[in-house]
């Protein structure tokens, strides 16, 4: 992949080095990408030198006095926080289940002494809003036993025999459940166990409150925002570089008992495999860099175009990395609905050909063997193999005709 300065990008070099490290053969990789083998070997050598240099720098950092001093300061800070925590907990133990008023008084004592309010309140387990509300309005301070809304908290629950069981005993039951079979249970499941094993008449709201007092509630999961999905629509394609389909195919290495991955971009008009990735892994970054290479091969990079990329809902294509790459390249990305492979019919048909004419023909002995055979097949597919839908000529020949407008015109309906 060359930039305007006619030089290969660092991203492309890293991808080539990665492929060489996976298959152990620089010549095969050079042949796939139409590179000089000596150039690929030099990139690998430079990469190794860079890695060694970085390792030495990391070792030097380990003995850097500035770094050690920083770590020492951090340790001192942690020790200071632990000492503060112990002192605050001693004050709270003296109160024997302190009320909100007493917690506010303890917090104010240490905050006035110069400690950070956030740290002190987190140790006491007191909300900022509660603390400042009571500080600003002393008359609003009330005991924790007083419940502003609803009926007062009774401090006990009944069992099925109508006997009272105090909240502290129920807390012990909860701890026993957590320490035995319920270490991953939520409040609802703990409630079920309390009813079934200890015959308590108790609801999940009270169990939640007791778990909160015990500070054993799990933090809420942060929901990651999903990328907006643009659904594939029906289209009529009448030229090359209008719509490319992309998908991933799995191959199997018999001797090594492991899989490898082939990700391909196919132009639905001329049926060419514009570029592809073959590796022991297939990540969003691989899909992105292969797309960039394909754009350069079709002379679309850094140019206005109406290209649409159509994919399924695989993790490579739903990732932020791939979405951002499409935005960077100013191309439209659409995804087919779930369980509708017919919407990606051309790449699926190609995968059938790949399976029948390459993958199922060999029992691959190594990844290098698979890499070699797949690379040879891709060249044969693009340059030699004829297609009935193209008028019995190869994809390369049809694409060249399309460039000059002499091809047998067709309308590809999707």
Protein backbone atom coordinates (compact mmCIF):
# COMPACT_ATOMS: atom_id res chain seq x y z
CA UNK A 1 0.00 0.00 0.00
CA UNK A 2 1.58 3.26 -1.14
CA UNK A 3 0.83 6.79 -0.04
CA UNK A 4 1.14 9.98 -2.07
CA UNK A 5 4.87 10.01 -1.38
CA UNK A 6 5.07 6.58 -3.05
CA UNK A 7 6.10 4.93 0.21
CA UNK A 8 4.51 2.05 2.08
CA UNK A 9 2.63 3.00 5.21
CA UNK A 10 3.69 1.75 8.64
CA UNK A 11 0.30 0.06 9.02
CA UNK A 12 0.85 -1.94 5.83
CA UNK A 13 4.40 -2.91 6.86
CA UNK A 14 3.16 -4.14 10.24
CA UNK A 15 0.50 -6.24 8.51
CA UNK A 16 3.12 -7.82 6.22
CA UNK A 17 5.45 -8.55 9.16
CA UNK A 18 2.55 -10.14 11.05
CA UNK A 19 1.80 -12.44 8.10
CA UNK A 20 5.46 -13.45 7.81
CA UNK A 21 5.60 -14.26 11.53
CA UNK A 22 2.47 -16.42 11.21
CA UNK A 23 3.57 -18.51 8.21
CA UNK A 24 7.36 -18.27 8.57
CA UNK A 25 7.92 -17.65 4.84
CA UNK A 26 8.68 -14.15 3.57
CA UNK A 27 8.70 -15.27 -0.08
CA UNK A 28 5.08 -16.47 0.02
CA UNK A 29 3.91 -13.22 1.58
CA UNK A 30 5.87 -11.16 -0.95
CA UNK A 31 4.31 -13.14 -3.80
CA UNK A 32 0.77 -12.58 -2.47
CA UNK A 33 1.23 -8.81 -2.23
CA UNK A 34 3.38 -8.42 -5.40
CA UNK A 35 6.39 -7.28 -3.38
CA UNK A 36 10.10 -7.96 -3.65
CA UNK A 37 11.09 -10.74 -1.23
CA UNK A 38 14.17 -8.78 -0.12
CA UNK A 39 11.98 -5.82 0.84
CA UNK A 40 9.75 -8.00 3.00
CA UNK A 41 12.79 -9.60 4.65
CA UNK A 42 14.20 -6.13 5.40
CA UNK A 43 10.91 -5.04 7.03
CA UNK A 44 10.95 -8.13 9.24
CA UNK A 45 14.56 -7.44 10.24
CA UNK A 46 13.79 -3.79 11.02
CA UNK A 47 10.76 -4.83 13.06
CA UNK A 48 12.90 -7.18 15.17
CA UNK A 49 15.45 -4.41 15.77
CA UNK A 50 12.70 -2.02 16.83
CA UNK A 51 11.26 -4.59 19.23
CA UNK A 52 14.68 -5.19 20.79
CA UNK A 53 15.21 -1.44 21.20
CA UNK A 54 11.80 -1.05 22.84
CA UNK A 55 12.59 -3.92 25.21
CA UNK A 56 15.83 -2.21 26.24
CA UNK A 57 13.98 1.06 26.79
CA UNK A 58 11.43 -0.75 28.94
CA UNK A 59 14.24 -2.26 30.99
CA UNK A 60 15.81 1.17 31.42
CA UNK A 61 12.47 2.55 32.54
CA UNK A 62 12.37 -0.09 35.25
CA UNK A 63 15.51 1.38 36.81
CA UNK A 64 14.73 5.04 36.08
CA UNK A 65 15.06 7.00 39.39
CA UNK A 66 12.20 9.30 38.37
CA UNK A 67 9.90 6.34 37.85
CA UNK A 68 10.95 4.77 41.15
CA UNK A 69 10.34 8.07 42.93
CA UNK A 70 6.87 8.30 41.37
CA UNK A 71 6.05 4.74 42.44
CA UNK A 72 7.32 5.51 45.95
CA UNK A 73 5.01 8.54 46.15
CA UNK A 74 2.09 6.41 45.01
CA UNK A 75 2.81 3.81 47.70
CA UNK A 76 3.02 6.53 50.35
CA UNK A 77 -0.32 7.87 49.18
CA UNK A 78 -1.91 4.42 49.41
CA UNK A 79 -0.51 3.87 52.91
CA UNK A 80 -1.84 7.28 53.97
CA UNK A 81 -5.30 6.39 52.67
CA UNK A 82 -5.22 3.07 54.53
CA UNK A 83 -4.27 4.83 57.78
CA UNK A 84 -7.15 7.28 57.27
CA UNK A 85 -9.57 4.42 56.59
CA UNK A 86 -8.53 2.63 59.80
CA UNK A 87 -8.96 5.83 61.86
CA UNK A 88 -12.42 6.55 60.43
CA UNK A 89 -13.57 2.96 60.95
CA UNK A 90 -12.45 3.19 64.61
CA UNK A 91 -14.69 6.26 65.04
CA UNK A 92 -17.60 4.42 63.46
CA UNK A 93 -17.10 1.32 65.65
CA UNK A 94 -17.39 3.50 68.74
CA UNK A 95 -20.89 4.54 67.61
CA UNK A 96 -22.11 0.92 67.16
CA UNK A 97 -24.15 1.15 63.95
CA UNK A 98 -23.98 4.94 63.54
CA UNK A 99 -26.99 6.88 62.31
CA UNK A 100 -26.87 9.25 59.34
CA UNK A 101 -26.42 12.16 61.76
CA UNK A 102 -23.42 10.45 63.39
CA UNK A 103 -21.93 9.55 59.99
CA UNK A 104 -22.23 13.18 58.89
CA UNK A 105 -20.50 14.32 62.10
CA UNK A 106 -17.65 11.82 61.61
CA UNK A 107 -17.25 12.85 57.97
CA UNK A 108 -17.22 16.56 58.86
CA UNK A 109 -14.54 15.97 61.49
CA UNK A 110 -12.11 14.43 58.98
CA UNK A 111 -13.00 16.74 56.08
CA UNK A 112 -12.41 19.77 58.31
CA UNK A 113 -9.05 18.23 59.21
CA UNK A 114 -8.02 18.65 55.56
CA UNK A 115 -8.76 15.27 53.99
CA UNK A 116 -10.53 15.01 50.64
CA UNK A 117 -14.30 14.87 50.96
CA UNK A 118 -14.60 12.24 48.20
CA UNK A 119 -12.19 9.88 49.97
CA UNK A 120 -13.74 10.34 53.42
CA UNK A 121 -17.31 9.87 52.19
CA UNK A 122 -16.38 6.74 50.23
CA UNK A 123 -14.86 5.19 53.39
CA UNK A 124 -17.93 6.06 55.48
CA UNK A 125 -20.23 4.97 52.61
CA UNK A 126 -22.18 8.20 52.69
CA UNK A 127 -23.55 9.85 49.56
CA UNK A 128 -22.27 13.32 48.74
CA UNK A 129 -25.80 14.65 48.37
CA UNK A 130 -26.77 13.32 51.83
CA UNK A 131 -23.69 14.83 53.46
CA UNK A 132 -24.02 18.30 51.94
CA UNK A 133 -27.79 18.37 52.46
CA UNK A 134 -27.32 17.74 56.18
CA UNK A 135 -24.38 20.14 56.47
CA UNK A 136 -26.31 22.97 54.82
CA UNK A 137 -29.54 22.21 56.72
CA UNK A 138 -28.68 20.91 60.19
CA UNK A 139 -32.36 20.71 61.12
CA UNK A 140 -32.83 18.11 58.38
CA UNK A 141 -30.45 15.63 60.05
CA UNK A 142 -32.40 12.59 61.17
CA UNK A 143 -31.59 9.22 62.61
CA UNK A 144 -31.23 6.34 60.17
CA UNK A 145 -33.92 4.53 62.16
CA UNK A 146 -36.41 7.19 61.05
CA UNK A 147 -37.86 6.52 57.65
CA UNK A 148 -39.16 9.67 55.93
CA UNK A 149 -41.40 7.82 53.48
CA UNK A 150 -43.60 4.80 54.20
CA UNK A 151 -43.85 2.80 57.37
CA UNK A 152 -40.90 2.57 59.79
CA UNK A 153 -38.37 -0.22 59.21
CA UNK A 154 -39.32 -2.95 61.75
CA UNK A 155 -35.83 -4.45 62.02
CA UNK A 156 -37.03 -8.04 61.67
CA UNK A 157 -38.86 -10.47 59.37
CA UNK A 158 -41.20 -13.36 60.11
CA UNK A 159 -40.65 -17.00 59.29
CA UNK A 160 -43.39 -19.40 58.17
CA UNK A 161 -44.13 -20.21 61.84
CA UNK A 162 -44.71 -16.51 62.58
CA UNK A 163 -41.51 -16.21 64.62
CA UNK A 164 -39.51 -13.00 64.44
CA UNK A 165 -36.01 -13.15 62.92
CA UNK A 166 -33.97 -9.98 63.40
CA UNK A 167 -32.27 -8.28 60.46
CA UNK A 168 -28.78 -8.97 61.84
CA UNK A 169 -29.48 -12.71 61.84
CA UNK A 170 -30.81 -12.47 58.29
CA UNK A 171 -27.59 -10.71 57.30
CA UNK A 172 -25.66 -13.68 58.70
CA UNK A 173 -27.81 -15.99 56.56
CA UNK A 174 -27.01 -13.88 53.50
CA UNK A 175 -23.28 -14.04 54.24
CA UNK A 176 -23.51 -17.83 54.58
CA UNK A 177 -25.28 -18.07 51.21
CA UNK A 178 -22.66 -15.86 49.54
CA UNK A 179 -19.79 -17.88 51.02
CA UNK A 180 -21.26 -21.24 49.95
CA UNK A 181 -23.39 -21.86 46.89
CA UNK A 182 -24.47 -18.30 46.11
CA UNK A 183 -21.24 -16.44 45.44
CA UNK A 184 -22.57 -15.26 42.07
CA UNK A 185 -26.26 -14.90 43.05
CA UNK A 186 -28.18 -11.66 42.79
CA UNK A 187 -30.77 -10.37 45.25
CA UNK A 188 -33.64 -12.31 43.71
CA UNK A 189 -31.88 -15.70 43.95
CA UNK A 190 -30.73 -14.94 47.50
CA UNK A 191 -34.37 -14.20 48.35
CA UNK A 192 -35.40 -17.62 46.99
CA UNK A 193 -32.73 -19.36 49.11
CA UNK A 194 -33.78 -17.44 52.25
CA UNK A 195 -37.38 -18.56 51.73
CA UNK A 196 -36.51 -22.15 50.86
CA UNK A 197 -33.65 -22.87 53.28
CA UNK A 198 -34.48 -20.62 56.24
CA UNK A 199 -38.29 -20.52 55.87
CA UNK A 200 -38.36 -16.72 55.93
CA UNK A 201 -41.26 -14.61 54.71
CA UNK A 202 -39.22 -11.93 52.95
CA UNK A 203 -39.29 -10.04 49.65
CA UNK A 204 -36.48 -9.12 47.29
CA UNK A 205 -36.68 -5.40 48.15
CA UNK A 206 -35.71 -6.06 51.75
CA UNK A 207 -32.97 -8.46 50.67
CA UNK A 208 -31.64 -5.72 48.38
CA UNK A 209 -31.60 -3.26 51.31
CA UNK A 210 -29.77 -5.72 53.57
CA UNK A 211 -27.25 -6.54 50.82
CA UNK A 212 -26.67 -2.82 50.36
CA UNK A 213 -26.01 -2.40 54.09
CA UNK A 214 -23.54 -5.30 53.88
CA UNK A 215 -21.87 -3.59 50.88
CA UNK A 216 -21.99 -6.78 48.82
CA UNK A 217 -23.95 -5.43 45.86
CA UNK A 218 -22.18 -5.78 42.56
CA UNK A 219 -21.49 -2.57 40.61
CA UNK A 220 -23.90 -1.97 37.76
CA UNK A 221 -22.64 -3.01 34.36
CA UNK A 222 -21.92 -0.14 32.01
CA UNK A 223 -23.88 -0.58 28.81
CA UNK A 224 -21.69 0.18 25.82
CA UNK A 225 -23.37 2.26 23.14
CA UNK A 226 -24.01 0.22 20.02
CA UNK A 227 -23.08 1.35 16.57
CA UNK A 228 -26.19 2.37 14.59
CA UNK A 229 -26.94 -0.34 12.03
CA UNK A 230 -27.88 0.57 8.49
CA UNK A 231 -29.93 -2.26 6.98
CA UNK A 232 -29.08 -3.39 3.44
CA UNK A 233 -31.64 -2.26 0.89
CA UNK A 234 -32.56 -3.60 -2.56
CA UNK A 235 -30.26 -2.19 -5.21
CA UNK A 236 -29.54 -2.42 -8.93
CA UNK A 237 -25.80 -2.34 -9.70
CA UNK A 238 -24.72 -1.30 -13.21
CA UNK A 239 -20.98 -0.61 -12.79
CA UNK A 240 -17.84 -1.72 -10.99
CA UNK A 241 -16.92 -0.15 -7.63
CA UNK A 242 -20.55 0.47 -6.77
CA UNK A 243 -21.07 -2.30 -4.19
CA UNK A 244 -18.59 -4.68 -2.59
CA UNK A 245 -19.61 -7.62 -0.44
CA UNK A 246 -17.35 -8.80 2.38
CA UNK A 247 -17.43 -11.91 4.53
CA UNK A 248 -15.20 -14.32 6.45
CA UNK A 249 -14.55 -17.96 5.52
CA UNK A 250 -12.99 -20.54 7.85
CA UNK A 251 -10.37 -23.05 6.74
CA UNK A 252 -8.99 -26.04 8.65
CA UNK A 253 -5.37 -27.15 9.02
CA UNK A 254 -5.55 -30.92 9.42
CA UNK A 255 -2.04 -31.58 10.69
CA UNK A 256 -2.07 -28.76 13.24
CA UNK A 257 -5.74 -29.22 14.23
CA UNK A 258 -6.60 -25.52 14.08
CA UNK A 259 -8.51 -23.07 11.93
CA UNK A 260 -7.44 -20.13 9.80
CA UNK A 261 -9.49 -17.26 8.38
CA UNK A 262 -10.03 -15.78 4.92
CA UNK A 263 -11.70 -12.37 4.67
CA UNK A 264 -12.50 -11.25 1.11
CA UNK A 265 -13.90 -8.16 -0.62
CA UNK A 266 -15.85 -9.01 -3.81
CA UNK A 267 -17.16 -6.56 -6.41
CA UNK A 268 -20.66 -7.81 -7.26
CA UNK A 269 -20.55 -6.32 -10.78
CA UNK A 270 -17.31 -7.83 -12.10
CA UNK A 271 -17.04 -10.66 -9.49
CA UNK A 272 -13.38 -9.80 -8.73
CA UNK A 273 -11.83 -10.50 -5.36
CA UNK A 274 -10.30 -7.06 -4.98
CA UNK A 275 -8.26 -7.93 -1.89
CA UNK A 276 -8.34 -10.44 0.92
CA UNK A 277 -6.85 -11.26 4.30
CA UNK A 278 -5.63 -14.71 5.28
CA UNK A 279 -4.41 -15.32 8.83
CA UNK A 280 -4.65 -17.30 12.06
CA UNK A 281 -6.92 -14.55 13.39
CA UNK A 282 -9.34 -12.11 11.80
CA UNK A 283 -9.96 -8.91 13.74
CA UNK A 284 -11.61 -5.61 12.92
CA UNK A 285 -8.17 -4.13 12.24
CA UNK A 286 -7.55 -6.83 9.60
CA UNK A 287 -10.88 -6.04 7.91
CA UNK A 288 -10.05 -2.32 7.97
CA UNK A 289 -6.55 -2.53 6.50
CA UNK A 290 -7.72 -4.98 3.81
CA UNK A 291 -10.43 -2.50 2.85
CA UNK A 292 -7.83 0.27 2.56
CA UNK A 293 -5.65 -1.93 0.34
CA UNK A 294 -8.66 -2.74 -1.86
CA UNK A 295 -9.49 0.97 -2.21
CA UNK A 296 -5.93 1.70 -3.34
CA UNK A 297 -5.96 -1.18 -5.83
CA UNK A 298 -9.12 0.23 -7.42
CA UNK A 299 -7.70 3.79 -7.33
CA UNK A 300 -10.50 4.98 -5.03
CA UNK A 301 -8.39 6.11 -2.07
CA UNK A 302 -8.70 9.80 -1.16
CA UNK A 303 -11.26 10.30 -3.93
CA UNK A 304 -14.98 10.93 -3.95
CA UNK A 305 -16.85 7.70 -4.64
CA UNK A 306 -20.27 6.13 -4.25
CA UNK A 307 -18.97 2.81 -2.97
CA UNK A 308 -21.16 0.74 -0.65
CA UNK A 309 -19.75 -2.05 1.54
CA UNK A 310 -22.23 -4.79 2.40
CA UNK A 311 -21.50 -7.25 5.22
CA UNK A 312 -23.19 -9.54 7.69
CA UNK A 313 -23.28 -8.81 11.43
CA UNK A 314 -19.96 -10.41 12.37
CA UNK A 315 -17.88 -8.81 15.16
CA UNK A 316 -15.32 -7.51 12.68
CA UNK A 317 -17.96 -5.41 10.91
CA UNK A 318 -19.98 -4.23 13.92
CA UNK A 319 -16.88 -2.88 15.67
CA UNK A 320 -16.17 0.81 16.20
CA UNK A 321 -12.80 0.36 14.47
CA UNK A 322 -14.37 -0.80 11.20
CA UNK A 323 -17.13 1.82 11.38
CA UNK A 324 -14.58 4.58 11.90
CA UNK A 325 -12.52 3.30 8.96
CA UNK A 326 -15.58 3.52 6.70
CA UNK A 327 -16.19 7.08 7.89
CA UNK A 328 -12.54 7.95 7.30
CA UNK A 329 -12.68 6.54 3.75
CA UNK A 330 -16.07 8.24 3.17
CA UNK A 331 -17.82 5.06 2.10
CA UNK A 332 -21.23 3.72 3.06
CA UNK A 333 -21.47 0.53 5.12
CA UNK A 334 -24.68 -1.47 5.28
CA UNK A 335 -25.38 -4.75 7.07
CA UNK A 336 -27.78 -7.48 6.05
CA UNK A 337 -30.55 -8.53 8.46
CA UNK A 338 -29.83 -11.51 10.70
CA UNK A 339 -30.27 -14.99 9.15
CA UNK A 340 -30.50 -13.66 5.57
CA UNK A 341 -27.34 -14.89 3.78
CA UNK A 342 -29.18 -14.50 0.45
CA UNK A 343 -28.66 -10.74 0.87
CA UNK A 344 -24.92 -11.43 0.58
CA UNK A 345 -25.39 -14.01 -2.17
CA UNK A 346 -22.35 -13.21 -4.35
CA UNK A 347 -19.74 -13.57 -1.61
CA UNK A 348 -21.52 -16.70 -0.35
CA UNK A 349 -21.35 -18.16 -3.88
CA UNK A 350 -17.65 -17.33 -4.01
CA UNK A 351 -17.10 -19.10 -0.70
CA UNK A 352 -18.79 -22.18 -2.16
CA UNK A 353 -16.31 -22.08 -5.07
CA UNK A 354 -13.41 -21.53 -2.65
CA UNK A 355 -14.51 -24.54 -0.61
CA UNK A 356 -15.03 -26.86 -3.60
CA UNK A 357 -12.00 -25.89 -5.66
CA UNK A 358 -9.43 -25.21 -2.95
CA UNK A 359 -10.13 -25.86 0.73
CA UNK A 360 -11.71 -29.31 0.37
CA UNK A 361 -9.05 -30.46 -2.11
CA UNK A 362 -6.21 -30.40 0.42
CA UNK A 363 -5.39 -31.69 3.86
CA UNK A 364 -3.23 -28.77 4.88
CA UNK A 365 -0.07 -29.70 6.76
CA UNK A 366 0.68 -26.20 8.04
CA UNK A 367 -0.52 -22.63 7.83
CA UNK A 368 2.23 -21.93 5.30
CA UNK A 369 0.79 -24.70 3.10
CA UNK A 370 -2.73 -23.26 3.39
CA UNK A 371 -1.44 -19.73 2.72
CA UNK A 372 0.33 -20.86 -0.45
CA UNK A 373 -2.65 -22.78 -1.88
CA UNK A 374 -5.22 -20.08 -1.10
CA UNK A 375 -2.98 -17.39 -2.62
CA UNK A 376 -2.59 -19.45 -5.80
CA UNK A 377 -6.34 -20.06 -5.96
CA UNK A 378 -7.13 -16.34 -5.62
CA UNK A 379 -4.86 -15.52 -8.57
CA UNK A 380 -6.43 -18.29 -10.64
CA UNK A 381 -9.95 -17.14 -9.71
CA UNK A 382 -9.35 -13.52 -10.70
CA UNK A 383 -7.17 -14.03 -13.78
CA UNK A 384 -8.11 -17.38 -15.35
CA UNK A 385 -11.37 -18.91 -14.09
CA UNK A 386 -14.29 -18.02 -16.40
CA UNK A 387 -17.78 -17.04 -15.17
CA UNK A 388 -21.02 -17.73 -16.97
CA UNK A 389 -22.56 -14.52 -15.56
CA UNK A 390 -19.72 -12.51 -17.15
CA UNK A 391 -20.11 -14.06 -20.59
CA UNK A 392 -17.58 -16.82 -19.90
CA UNK A 393 -14.58 -14.60 -19.29
CA UNK A 394 -12.50 -14.06 -16.15
CA UNK A 395 -13.26 -11.30 -13.59
CA UNK A 396 -10.04 -9.48 -14.47
CA UNK A 397 -10.87 -9.42 -18.19
CA UNK A 398 -14.42 -8.25 -17.51
CA UNK A 399 -13.19 -5.48 -15.18
CA UNK A 400 -10.72 -4.24 -17.81
CA UNK A 401 -13.53 -4.16 -20.36
CA UNK A 402 -15.69 -2.25 -17.88
CA UNK A 403 -12.96 0.39 -17.49
CA UNK A 404 -13.22 1.15 -21.22
CA UNK A 405 -17.00 0.66 -21.39
CA UNK A 406 -16.79 -2.32 -23.76
CA UNK A 407 -18.16 -4.98 -21.40
CA UNK A 408 -21.39 -6.88 -21.94
CA UNK A 409 -23.65 -4.61 -19.85
CA UNK A 410 -25.60 -6.22 -17.04
CA UNK A 411 -27.87 -5.21 -14.17
CA UNK A 412 -27.06 -6.95 -10.90
CA UNK A 413 -30.11 -6.96 -8.64
CA UNK A 414 -29.54 -7.30 -4.90
